[in-house]
């Protein structure tokens, strides 16, 4: 289904386990080529629940967001740490500005705020991130998945099946 599509999943310490592992599985099951992109702070990153450890394939300073068909930003504590790395901010911004699919779930939109990608866009997130998104100029809605152009956002682990479906549909259509 996604043969030939290249997907980057960003990782940093404290990611929400299911929000990385389940999209990773869904993209691989759809035959996409998935690359795990870390900040460079470590070689392997641990999920905040202790259920997953992920080794990065590369670092954000060594790749360009335009070289991927999609970038996925899992939530947890990781997005707040990701935005300390300019290379991670630049990667999502380059992908977004190139019209690539950018998906972020839960706290993932924190990285999108730092990349100045949400102004004027309709998005969703974990409820505590809503005020940050609104302050950054986004229109926040409480929906399981929100697609606004090439930006796909979702709220929480329970929404992952709908998030994965929206990502795959956007990639099939691109």
C-alpha atoms as a PDB file:
ATOM      1  CA  UNK A   1       0.000   0.000   0.000  1.00  0.00           C
ATOM      2  CA  UNK A   2       2.791   2.478   0.917  1.00  0.00           C
ATOM      3  CA  UNK A   3       5.474   0.807  -1.214  1.00  0.00           C
ATOM      4  CA  UNK A   4       8.294   3.257  -1.875  1.00  0.00           C
ATOM      5  CA  UNK A   5       7.143   5.761   0.756  1.00  0.00           C
ATOM      6  CA  UNK A   6       9.770   6.930   3.252  1.00  0.00           C
ATOM      7  CA  UNK A   7       8.524   7.779   6.738  1.00  0.00           C
ATOM      8  CA  UNK A   8      10.578   9.400   9.493  1.00  0.00           C
ATOM      9  CA  UNK A   9       9.505   8.827  13.079  1.00  0.00           C
ATOM     10  CA  UNK A  10      11.178  11.235  15.461  1.00  0.00           C
ATOM     11  CA  UNK A  11      12.430   9.977  18.801  1.00  0.00           C
ATOM     12  CA  UNK A  12      13.811  11.453  22.011  1.00  0.00           C
ATOM     13  CA  UNK A  13      13.957  10.223  25.589  1.00  0.00           C
ATOM     14  CA  UNK A  14      10.555   9.847  27.284  1.00  0.00           C
ATOM     15  CA  UNK A  15       8.395   9.254  24.200  1.00  0.00           C
ATOM     16  CA  UNK A  16       4.920   7.844  24.830  1.00  0.00           C
ATOM     17  CA  UNK A  17       5.586   4.156  24.106  1.00  0.00           C
ATOM     18  CA  UNK A  18       2.432   3.310  22.145  1.00  0.00           C
ATOM     19  CA  UNK A  19       2.523   6.561  20.158  1.00  0.00           C
ATOM     20  CA  UNK A  20       5.828   5.526  18.607  1.00  0.00           C
ATOM     21  CA  UNK A  21       5.529   1.743  18.514  1.00  0.00           C
ATOM     22  CA  UNK A  22       2.014   1.509  17.043  1.00  0.00           C
ATOM     23  CA  UNK A  23       2.522   3.996  14.156  1.00  0.00           C
ATOM     24  CA  UNK A  24       5.881   2.312  13.468  1.00  0.00           C
ATOM     25  CA  UNK A  25       4.137  -1.052  13.193  1.00  0.00           C
ATOM     26  CA  UNK A  26       1.300   0.367  11.059  1.00  0.00           C
ATOM     27  CA  UNK A  27       3.690   2.053   8.610  1.00  0.00           C
ATOM     28  CA  UNK A  28       5.821  -1.089   8.293  1.00  0.00           C
ATOM     29  CA  UNK A  29       2.700  -3.244   7.867  1.00  0.00           C
ATOM     30  CA  UNK A  30       1.706  -0.904   4.998  1.00  0.00           C
ATOM     31  CA  UNK A  31       5.149  -1.541   3.404  1.00  0.00           C
ATOM     32  CA  UNK A  32       6.593   1.915   4.050  1.00  0.00           C
ATOM     33  CA  UNK A  33      10.300   2.331   4.678  1.00  0.00           C
ATOM     34  CA  UNK A  34      10.562   3.735   8.207  1.00  0.00           C
ATOM     35  CA  UNK A  35      13.583   5.614   9.511  1.00  0.00           C
ATOM     36  CA  UNK A  36      13.864   6.392  13.236  1.00  0.00           C
ATOM     37  CA  UNK A  37      15.389   9.848  13.593  1.00  0.00           C
ATOM     38  CA  UNK A  38      16.819  10.890  16.946  1.00  0.00           C
ATOM     39  CA  UNK A  39      18.034  14.211  18.258  1.00  0.00           C
ATOM     40  CA  UNK A  40      21.556  12.874  18.710  1.00  0.00           C
ATOM     41  CA  UNK A  41      21.447  13.128  22.482  1.00  0.00           C
ATOM     42  CA  UNK A  42      21.687   9.304  22.698  1.00  0.00           C
ATOM     43  CA  UNK A  43      21.852   6.241  20.450  1.00  0.00           C
ATOM     44  CA  UNK A  44      18.854   4.533  22.073  1.00  0.00           C
ATOM     45  CA  UNK A  45      15.837   6.175  23.652  1.00  0.00           C
ATOM     46  CA  UNK A  46      13.475   4.843  26.316  1.00  0.00           C
ATOM     47  CA  UNK A  47       9.733   5.250  26.366  1.00  0.00           C
ATOM     48  CA  UNK A  48       8.273   7.008  29.387  1.00  0.00           C
ATOM     49  CA  UNK A  49       6.323   3.887  30.394  1.00  0.00           C
ATOM     50  CA  UNK A  50       9.374   1.626  30.204  1.00  0.00           C
ATOM     51  CA  UNK A  51       7.772  -0.634  27.621  1.00  0.00           C
ATOM     52  CA  UNK A  52       9.922   0.311  24.649  1.00  0.00           C
ATOM     53  CA  UNK A  53      13.498   1.184  23.837  1.00  0.00           C
ATOM     54  CA  UNK A  54      14.186   2.444  20.334  1.00  0.00           C
ATOM     55  CA  UNK A  55      17.533   2.769  18.575  1.00  0.00           C
ATOM     56  CA  UNK A  56      17.822   5.710  16.207  1.00  0.00           C
ATOM     57  CA  UNK A  57      18.788   4.941  12.598  1.00  0.00           C
ATOM     58  CA  UNK A  58      20.149   8.446  12.137  1.00  0.00           C
ATOM     59  CA  UNK A  59      19.999  11.936  13.624  1.00  0.00           C
ATOM     60  CA  UNK A  60      18.037  14.970  12.513  1.00  0.00           C
ATOM     61  CA  UNK A  61      21.180  16.908  11.636  1.00  0.00           C
ATOM     62  CA  UNK A  62      22.082  14.255   9.031  1.00  0.00           C
ATOM     63  CA  UNK A  63      18.779  14.171   7.114  1.00  0.00           C
ATOM     64  CA  UNK A  64      16.387  16.612   5.490  1.00  0.00           C
ATOM     65  CA  UNK A  65      12.640  16.604   6.054  1.00  0.00           C
ATOM     66  CA  UNK A  66      12.056  17.049   2.307  1.00  0.00           C
ATOM     67  CA  UNK A  67      13.583  13.599   1.728  1.00  0.00           C
ATOM     68  CA  UNK A  68      10.673  11.860   3.467  1.00  0.00           C
ATOM     69  CA  UNK A  69       7.045  11.440   2.428  1.00  0.00           C
ATOM     70  CA  UNK A  70       5.933  11.900   6.040  1.00  0.00           C
ATOM     71  CA  UNK A  71       7.243  12.708   9.485  1.00  0.00           C
ATOM     72  CA  UNK A  72       5.561  11.398  12.625  1.00  0.00           C
ATOM     73  CA  UNK A  73       6.060  13.070  16.000  1.00  0.00           C
ATOM     74  CA  UNK A  74       5.007  10.863  18.931  1.00  0.00           C
ATOM     75  CA  UNK A  75       4.019  12.427  22.233  1.00  0.00           C
ATOM     76  CA  UNK A  76       5.031  11.924  25.816  1.00  0.00           C
ATOM     77  CA  UNK A  77       7.885  13.976  27.264  1.00  0.00           C
ATOM     78  CA  UNK A  78       9.900  13.661  24.054  1.00  0.00           C
ATOM     79  CA  UNK A  79       8.496  16.597  22.002  1.00  0.00           C
ATOM     80  CA  UNK A  80       9.442  19.111  24.685  1.00  0.00           C
ATOM     81  CA  UNK A  81      13.003  17.721  24.546  1.00  0.00           C
ATOM     82  CA  UNK A  82      13.005  17.562  20.720  1.00  0.00           C
ATOM     83  CA  UNK A  83      12.405  21.266  20.419  1.00  0.00           C
ATOM     84  CA  UNK A  84      15.705  21.947  22.165  1.00  0.00           C
ATOM     85  CA  UNK A  85      17.402  20.716  18.959  1.00  0.00           C
ATOM     86  CA  UNK A  86      17.262  23.127  16.028  1.00  0.00           C
ATOM     87  CA  UNK A  87      17.868  20.248  13.609  1.00  0.00           C
ATOM     88  CA  UNK A  88      14.618  18.580  14.721  1.00  0.00           C
ATOM     89  CA  UNK A  89      12.691  21.836  14.390  1.00  0.00           C
ATOM     90  CA  UNK A  90      14.183  22.438  10.934  1.00  0.00           C
ATOM     91  CA  UNK A  91      13.418  18.890   9.831  1.00  0.00           C
ATOM     92  CA  UNK A  92       9.677  19.104  10.533  1.00  0.00           C
ATOM     93  CA  UNK A  93       9.470  22.643   9.164  1.00  0.00           C
ATOM     94  CA  UNK A  94      11.228  21.666   5.906  1.00  0.00           C
ATOM     95  CA  UNK A  95       8.921  18.680   5.455  1.00  0.00           C
ATOM     96  CA  UNK A  96       5.823  20.764   6.195  1.00  0.00           C
ATOM     97  CA  UNK A  97       6.831  23.602   3.869  1.00  0.00           C
ATOM     98  CA  UNK A  98       7.565  21.052   1.130  1.00  0.00           C
ATOM     99  CA  UNK A  99       4.011  19.724   1.377  1.00  0.00           C
ATOM    100  CA  UNK A 100       4.987  16.445   3.036  1.00  0.00           C
ATOM    101  CA  UNK A 101       2.635  14.843   5.543  1.00  0.00           C
ATOM    102  CA  UNK A 102       3.441  15.797   9.140  1.00  0.00           C
ATOM    103  CA  UNK A 103       1.654  13.858  11.867  1.00  0.00           C
ATOM    104  CA  UNK A 104       1.827  14.663  15.570  1.00  0.00           C
ATOM    105  CA  UNK A 105      -0.010  13.026  18.446  1.00  0.00           C
ATOM    106  CA  UNK A 106      -0.608  13.988  22.075  1.00  0.00           C
ATOM    107  CA  UNK A 107       2.251  16.344  23.094  1.00  0.00           C
ATOM    108  CA  UNK A 108       3.790  16.059  19.597  1.00  0.00           C
ATOM    109  CA  UNK A 109       2.398  19.446  18.508  1.00  0.00           C
ATOM    110  CA  UNK A 110       4.805  21.108  20.961  1.00  0.00           C
ATOM    111  CA  UNK A 111       7.502  20.560  18.322  1.00  0.00           C
ATOM    112  CA  UNK A 112       5.193  22.015  15.646  1.00  0.00           C
ATOM    113  CA  UNK A 113       4.758  25.160  17.749  1.00  0.00           C
ATOM    114  CA  UNK A 114       8.525  25.629  17.868  1.00  0.00           C
ATOM    115  CA  UNK A 115       8.639  25.189  14.078  1.00  0.00           C
ATOM    116  CA  UNK A 116       5.934  27.890  13.706  1.00  0.00           C
ATOM    117  CA  UNK A 117       3.697  25.483  11.788  1.00  0.00           C
ATOM    118  CA  UNK A 118       0.359  25.821  13.563  1.00  0.00           C
ATOM    119  CA  UNK A 119      -0.579  29.481  13.046  1.00  0.00           C
ATOM    120  CA  UNK A 120      -3.977  29.580  11.322  1.00  0.00           C
ATOM    121  CA  UNK A 121      -4.281  25.777  11.272  1.00  0.00           C
ATOM    122  CA  UNK A 122      -6.912  23.579  12.898  1.00  0.00           C
ATOM    123  CA  UNK A 123      -5.274  21.041  15.206  1.00  0.00           C
ATOM    124  CA  UNK A 124      -5.819  18.803  18.198  1.00  0.00           C
ATOM    125  CA  UNK A 125      -3.561  17.489  20.954  1.00  0.00           C
ATOM    126  CA  UNK A 126      -3.499  16.339  24.540  1.00  0.00           C
ATOM    127  CA  UNK A 127      -5.727  18.880  26.366  1.00  0.00           C
ATOM    128  CA  UNK A 128      -2.891  20.479  28.349  1.00  0.00           C
ATOM    129  CA  UNK A 129      -1.169  21.484  25.091  1.00  0.00           C
ATOM    130  CA  UNK A 130      -4.312  23.260  23.815  1.00  0.00           C
ATOM    131  CA  UNK A 131      -3.480  26.606  25.429  1.00  0.00           C
ATOM    132  CA  UNK A 132       0.018  26.548  23.903  1.00  0.00           C
ATOM    133  CA  UNK A 133      -1.425  25.806  20.471  1.00  0.00           C
ATOM    134  CA  UNK A 134      -4.007  28.581  20.803  1.00  0.00           C
ATOM    135  CA  UNK A 135      -1.297  31.017  21.921  1.00  0.00           C
ATOM    136  CA  UNK A 136       0.696  30.024  18.824  1.00  0.00           C
ATOM    137  CA  UNK A 137      -2.271  30.977  16.618  1.00  0.00           C
ATOM    138  CA  UNK A 138      -3.857  27.567  16.024  1.00  0.00           C
ATOM    139  CA  UNK A 139      -7.534  26.722  16.227  1.00  0.00           C
ATOM    140  CA  UNK A 140      -7.680  23.822  18.708  1.00  0.00           C
ATOM    141  CA  UNK A 141     -10.542  21.314  18.564  1.00  0.00           C
ATOM    142  CA  UNK A 142     -11.257  18.278  20.726  1.00  0.00           C
ATOM    143  CA  UNK A 143     -11.455  15.592  18.020  1.00  0.00           C
ATOM    144  CA  UNK A 144      -9.693  12.203  17.764  1.00  0.00           C
ATOM    145  CA  UNK A 145      -7.924  13.212  14.528  1.00  0.00           C
ATOM    146  CA  UNK A 146      -7.729  16.534  12.720  1.00  0.00           C
ATOM    147  CA  UNK A 147      -6.410  16.855   9.177  1.00  0.00           C
ATOM    148  CA  UNK A 148      -5.686  20.376   7.935  1.00  0.00           C
ATOM    149  CA  UNK A 149      -3.844  20.255   4.641  1.00  0.00           C
ATOM    150  CA  UNK A 150      -0.677  18.194   5.112  1.00  0.00           C
ATOM    151  CA  UNK A 151      -0.870  18.447   8.906  1.00  0.00           C
ATOM    152  CA  UNK A 152      -2.470  15.568  10.844  1.00  0.00           C
ATOM    153  CA  UNK A 153      -2.843  15.773  14.624  1.00  0.00           C
ATOM    154  CA  UNK A 154      -4.337  13.479  17.223  1.00  0.00           C
ATOM    155  CA  UNK A 155      -5.020  13.608  20.971  1.00  0.00           C
ATOM    156  CA  UNK A 156      -3.979  10.467  22.827  1.00  0.00           C
ATOM    157  CA  UNK A 157      -3.105   6.756  22.698  1.00  0.00           C
ATOM    158  CA  UNK A 158      -6.762   5.733  22.346  1.00  0.00           C
ATOM    159  CA  UNK A 159      -6.860   7.679  19.056  1.00  0.00           C
ATOM    160  CA  UNK A 160      -3.864   5.875  17.495  1.00  0.00           C
ATOM    161  CA  UNK A 161      -5.915   3.592  15.171  1.00  0.00           C
ATOM    162  CA  UNK A 162      -7.665   6.648  13.676  1.00  0.00           C
ATOM    163  CA  UNK A 163      -4.354   8.565  13.557  1.00  0.00           C
ATOM    164  CA  UNK A 164      -2.643   5.704  11.699  1.00  0.00           C
ATOM    165  CA  UNK A 165      -5.577   5.415   9.270  1.00  0.00           C
ATOM    166  CA  UNK A 166      -5.463   9.164   8.524  1.00  0.00           C
ATOM    167  CA  UNK A 167      -1.702   9.031   7.933  1.00  0.00           C
ATOM    168  CA  UNK A 168      -1.971   6.061   5.572  1.00  0.00           C
ATOM    169  CA  UNK A 169      -4.882   7.647   3.653  1.00  0.00           C
ATOM    170  CA  UNK A 170      -2.918  10.898   3.256  1.00  0.00           C
ATOM    171  CA  UNK A 171       0.153   9.019   2.045  1.00  0.00           C
ATOM    172  CA  UNK A 172      -1.809   6.887  -0.424  1.00  0.00           C
ATOM    173  CA  UNK A 173      -3.319  10.095  -1.811  1.00  0.00           C
ATOM    174  CA  UNK A 174       0.046  11.874  -2.120  1.00  0.00           C
END
